C-alpha cells in the first residue's frame, strides 16, 4: 500500500479548514488518526506556536496530535526526532520559509523517514511552504529544484487574490517546460489517490499549463499530475 500526498494553499489550522482536513483524515485507515506536525518552515518565526496550533486543531478533530520539532539540519538527522514520523498516519508540514524547509529536509534522515511513512500508507500534507517544497520546482523570484515528491508540479500558495489570466501570462515561457503549476487558495488543497488528484476544501485550485489554465472546486478531479503518492 502507498500513501497519499496533500498540497494545501495555506491558512492551516483555522476555522474553515475542516472540510479539507476531514478529507485528509478520511484517507487514513484509523479510528483515531495519529497526526504529527512538522513546524520546520516556521523556524525563524514561532515554530512552537505553529506546533501548538496544529496540535490543538487536530485534537479537536478527534486525532492524537503531537509535534516533531525538527528546526534545523542537526534536528533532521537526529534519530530520536526523525523516528517520531514512523507511526504517524498524517504528517503535516506547516507554512513558513520554503527555502529553510528545503535546506533542512534535503538529504536528511527525516526526509527518508517521511518517504518510508508514505510507502507504508501515511498521508503527507504540506501547507504553503510545506506544499512548495513537495513539488519538483518552487518559485521564489526564479525557479529552483525542490524535493520532487510530486513530479512535474509546482505550487503557488495563497492564490485566492490572484488574477489567473495575469498569472498565466507571467508563466508563459518562464516556467520549466512541461511543468504544471498549481495556484492553490488558502484553506483549499489537492489530495492524491488511486484515481489521481482531486480538489478538497472551500477554495479553488487553478492548474496552469502551456495550454492555459483551468479552475477546480472542492471534490472535482484534476488532470493527471506526475506522481500521485506512489513513491
Protein backbone atom coordinates (compact mmCIF):
# COMPACT_ATOMS: atom_id res chain seq x y z
CA UNK A 1 0.00 0.00 0.00
CA UNK A 2 1.23 3.50 -0.78
CA UNK A 3 0.24 6.70 0.94
CA UNK A 4 -1.18 9.95 -0.29
CA UNK A 5 0.11 13.48 -0.67
CA UNK A 6 -1.86 16.64 0.02
CA UNK A 7 -0.84 20.09 -1.21
CA UNK A 8 -2.54 22.93 0.68
CA UNK A 9 -2.56 26.62 -0.23
CA UNK A 10 -2.06 27.93 3.32
CA UNK A 11 -4.10 29.22 6.23
CA UNK A 12 -3.77 25.89 8.01
CA UNK A 13 -5.30 25.01 11.40
CA UNK A 14 -8.04 27.65 11.18
CA UNK A 15 -11.81 27.74 11.25
CA UNK A 16 -12.92 26.90 7.72
CA UNK A 17 -10.25 24.26 7.10
CA UNK A 18 -12.36 21.42 8.49
CA UNK A 19 -13.85 20.18 5.17
CA UNK A 20 -10.38 19.96 3.66
CA UNK A 21 -8.75 18.29 6.64
CA UNK A 22 -11.58 15.81 7.15
CA UNK A 23 -10.92 14.67 3.57
CA UNK A 24 -7.27 14.09 4.55
CA UNK A 25 -8.28 12.19 7.67
CA UNK A 26 -10.82 10.11 5.73
CA UNK A 27 -7.88 8.89 3.63
CA UNK A 28 -6.30 7.43 6.79
CA UNK A 29 -7.27 3.93 7.90
CA UNK A 30 -7.50 4.72 11.62
CA UNK A 31 -10.32 5.37 14.09
CA UNK A 32 -8.19 7.95 15.94
CA UNK A 33 -5.51 9.10 13.49
CA UNK A 34 -2.04 9.91 14.76
CA UNK A 35 -1.10 13.33 13.40
CA UNK A 36 2.46 14.67 13.60
CA UNK A 37 3.02 18.39 12.99
CA UNK A 38 6.36 19.47 11.47
CA UNK A 39 6.79 23.25 12.05
CA UNK A 40 10.24 23.31 10.41
CA UNK A 41 9.34 26.03 7.90
CA UNK A 42 8.33 28.31 10.80
CA UNK A 43 11.80 28.05 12.41
CA UNK A 44 12.50 31.78 12.04
CA UNK A 45 9.02 32.83 13.14
CA UNK A 46 7.42 30.91 16.03
CA UNK A 47 7.69 27.13 15.49
CA UNK A 48 6.35 26.40 18.96
CA UNK A 49 3.18 28.36 18.26
CA UNK A 50 2.77 26.67 14.86
CA UNK A 51 3.10 23.28 16.54
CA UNK A 52 0.65 24.16 19.31
CA UNK A 53 -1.89 25.45 16.81
CA UNK A 54 -1.69 22.21 14.84
CA UNK A 55 -1.95 20.03 17.93
CA UNK A 56 -4.96 21.93 19.26
CA UNK A 57 -6.69 21.93 15.88
CA UNK A 58 -6.28 18.24 15.08
CA UNK A 59 -7.05 17.20 18.66
CA UNK A 60 -10.36 18.99 18.17
CA UNK A 61 -10.96 16.78 15.12
CA UNK A 62 -10.57 13.63 17.24
CA UNK A 63 -6.91 12.89 16.50
CA UNK A 64 -3.89 12.05 18.63
CA UNK A 65 -1.72 15.01 17.66
CA UNK A 66 1.90 15.77 18.52
CA UNK A 67 4.83 17.77 17.15
CA UNK A 68 8.13 16.78 15.58
CA UNK A 69 10.34 19.77 16.39
CA UNK A 70 12.99 19.41 13.70
CA UNK A 71 14.01 23.05 13.44
CA UNK A 72 17.41 22.76 11.76
CA UNK A 73 19.57 20.28 9.84
CA UNK A 74 21.02 18.74 13.01
CA UNK A 75 17.49 18.01 14.24
CA UNK A 76 16.54 16.49 10.88
CA UNK A 77 19.41 13.99 11.22
CA UNK A 78 18.64 13.15 14.84
CA UNK A 79 17.41 9.55 15.08
CA UNK A 80 15.20 10.14 18.10
CA UNK A 81 13.41 13.03 16.41
CA UNK A 82 13.17 11.51 12.93
CA UNK A 83 11.78 8.25 14.31
CA UNK A 84 8.69 10.12 15.50
CA UNK A 85 7.49 10.00 11.89
CA UNK A 86 7.46 6.21 11.92
CA UNK A 87 4.00 5.72 13.39
CA UNK A 88 2.20 8.80 12.06
CA UNK A 89 -0.94 8.41 10.00
CA UNK A 90 -0.73 12.03 8.84
CA UNK A 91 2.47 14.09 8.67
CA UNK A 92 1.72 17.81 8.27
CA UNK A 93 4.38 20.30 7.12
CA UNK A 94 3.36 23.83 8.11
CA UNK A 95 3.90 27.13 6.33
CA UNK A 96 6.82 29.50 6.79
CA UNK A 97 10.06 29.70 4.81
CA UNK A 98 10.20 27.27 1.88
CA UNK A 99 13.94 27.84 1.46
CA UNK A 100 14.67 26.92 5.08
CA UNK A 101 12.40 23.88 4.92
CA UNK A 102 14.05 22.68 1.72
CA UNK A 103 17.55 23.18 3.15
CA UNK A 104 16.70 21.25 6.32
CA UNK A 105 14.94 18.32 4.65
CA UNK A 106 17.21 17.79 1.62
CA UNK A 107 19.22 14.59 2.04
CA UNK A 108 18.16 14.23 5.67
CA UNK A 109 17.28 11.22 7.79
CA UNK A 110 13.92 12.87 8.44
CA UNK A 111 13.16 13.00 4.72
CA UNK A 112 13.95 9.30 4.43
CA UNK A 113 11.54 8.60 7.30
CA UNK A 114 8.86 10.72 5.61
CA UNK A 115 9.28 8.67 2.42
CA UNK A 116 9.07 5.46 4.46
CA UNK A 117 5.84 6.73 6.02
CA UNK A 118 4.40 7.31 2.55
CA UNK A 119 5.33 3.80 1.48
CA UNK A 120 3.55 2.26 4.45
CA UNK A 121 0.37 4.23 3.69
CA UNK A 122 0.54 7.52 5.58
CA UNK A 123 -0.69 10.86 4.27
CA UNK A 124 1.95 13.57 3.89
CA UNK A 125 0.48 17.08 3.73
CA UNK A 126 2.28 20.35 3.10
CA UNK A 127 0.72 23.77 3.52
CA UNK A 128 2.07 26.89 1.78
CA UNK A 129 5.87 26.49 2.18
CA UNK A 130 5.27 22.83 3.00
CA UNK A 131 3.42 22.36 -0.28
CA UNK A 132 6.02 24.28 -2.28
CA UNK A 133 8.90 22.00 -1.30
CA UNK A 134 6.99 18.83 -2.20
CA UNK A 135 6.87 19.69 -5.90
CA UNK A 136 9.61 19.32 -8.49
CA UNK A 137 10.25 23.06 -8.54
CA UNK A 138 9.39 26.07 -6.44
CA UNK A 139 9.32 29.71 -7.46
CA UNK A 140 10.92 32.38 -5.29
CA UNK A 141 11.96 35.01 -7.75
CA UNK A 142 13.38 32.40 -10.13
CA UNK A 143 12.70 28.69 -10.31
CA UNK A 144 14.66 26.26 -8.12
CA UNK A 145 14.53 22.46 -7.78
CA UNK A 146 12.50 21.21 -4.82
CA UNK A 147 12.14 17.75 -3.25
CA UNK A 148 10.20 16.22 -6.14
CA UNK A 149 7.74 14.09 -4.17
CA UNK A 150 5.16 15.33 -6.68
CA UNK A 151 6.92 15.11 -10.01
CA UNK A 152 6.28 17.67 -12.73
CA UNK A 153 4.42 20.09 -10.44
CA UNK A 154 4.97 23.36 -8.61
CA UNK A 155 2.73 25.17 -6.12
CA UNK A 156 1.79 28.85 -5.89
CA UNK A 157 0.20 29.12 -2.43
CA UNK A 158 -2.24 31.76 -1.12
CA UNK A 159 -3.64 32.08 -4.61
CA UNK A 160 -7.10 33.38 -3.64
CA UNK A 161 -6.35 37.02 -4.52
CA UNK A 162 -4.50 36.30 -7.78
CA UNK A 163 -5.72 37.04 -11.30
CA UNK A 164 -5.43 33.74 -13.20
CA UNK A 165 -5.13 35.44 -16.58
CA UNK A 166 -2.23 37.56 -15.35
CA UNK A 167 -0.55 34.60 -13.68
CA UNK A 168 -0.93 32.51 -16.82
CA UNK A 169 0.69 35.25 -18.88
CA UNK A 170 3.59 35.57 -16.43
CA UNK A 171 4.23 31.81 -16.52
CA UNK A 172 4.18 31.52 -20.30
CA UNK A 173 7.74 30.93 -21.48
CA UNK A 174 9.01 31.34 -17.93
CA UNK A 175 8.15 28.10 -16.11
CA UNK A 176 10.20 24.94 -16.78
CA UNK A 177 8.93 23.05 -19.82
CA UNK A 178 6.12 20.60 -19.15
CA UNK A 179 5.58 21.81 -15.57
CA UNK A 180 2.02 22.02 -14.23
CA UNK A 181 1.80 24.97 -11.85
CA UNK A 182 -0.90 24.79 -9.19
CA UNK A 183 -2.30 28.00 -7.77
CA UNK A 184 -3.98 26.90 -4.55
CA UNK A 185 -6.21 29.09 -2.40
CA UNK A 186 -5.81 29.22 1.36
CA UNK A 187 -7.94 26.61 3.14
CA UNK A 188 -8.03 24.54 -0.05
CA UNK A 189 -5.81 21.86 -1.49
CA UNK A 190 -5.47 18.78 -3.62
CA UNK A 191 -5.24 15.19 -2.44
CA UNK A 192 -3.79 12.28 -4.37
CA UNK A 193 -5.50 8.91 -4.55
CA UNK A 194 -5.74 5.70 -6.56
CA UNK A 195 -7.60 7.51 -9.34
CA UNK A 196 -5.47 10.65 -9.42
CA UNK A 197 -5.88 14.02 -7.73
CA UNK A 198 -8.98 15.86 -6.54
CA UNK A 199 -9.54 19.29 -5.09
CA UNK A 200 -10.54 19.49 -1.43
CA UNK A 201 -11.63 22.33 0.83
CA UNK A 202 -13.60 25.53 0.42
CA UNK A 203 -11.43 27.36 -2.11
CA UNK A 204 -10.27 26.79 -5.67
CA UNK A 205 -7.25 25.25 -7.33
CA UNK A 206 -6.04 26.74 -10.60
CA UNK A 207 -3.95 24.46 -12.82
CA UNK A 208 -1.63 26.30 -15.21
CA UNK A 209 -0.12 24.54 -18.21
CA UNK A 210 1.39 25.61 -21.52
CA UNK A 211 -2.14 25.48 -22.94
CA UNK A 212 -3.61 27.95 -20.44
CA UNK A 213 -5.39 27.38 -17.14
CA UNK A 214 -8.41 25.68 -15.57
CA UNK A 215 -10.04 26.21 -12.16
CA UNK A 216 -11.30 23.39 -9.94
CA UNK A 217 -13.52 23.47 -6.86
CA UNK A 218 -13.78 21.07 -3.95
CA UNK A 219 -14.43 17.44 -4.90
CA UNK A 220 -13.54 17.93 -8.57
CA UNK A 221 -10.92 15.68 -10.18
CA UNK A 222 -7.84 17.33 -11.67
CA UNK A 223 -5.95 16.32 -14.81
CA UNK A 224 -3.00 13.95 -14.29
CA UNK A 225 -0.23 15.43 -12.16
CA UNK A 226 3.03 13.50 -12.14
CA UNK A 227 3.29 11.08 -9.28
CA UNK A 228 0.24 10.62 -7.04
CA UNK A 229 1.61 9.17 -3.83
CA UNK A 230 3.27 6.09 -5.34
CA UNK A 231 6.71 6.90 -4.00
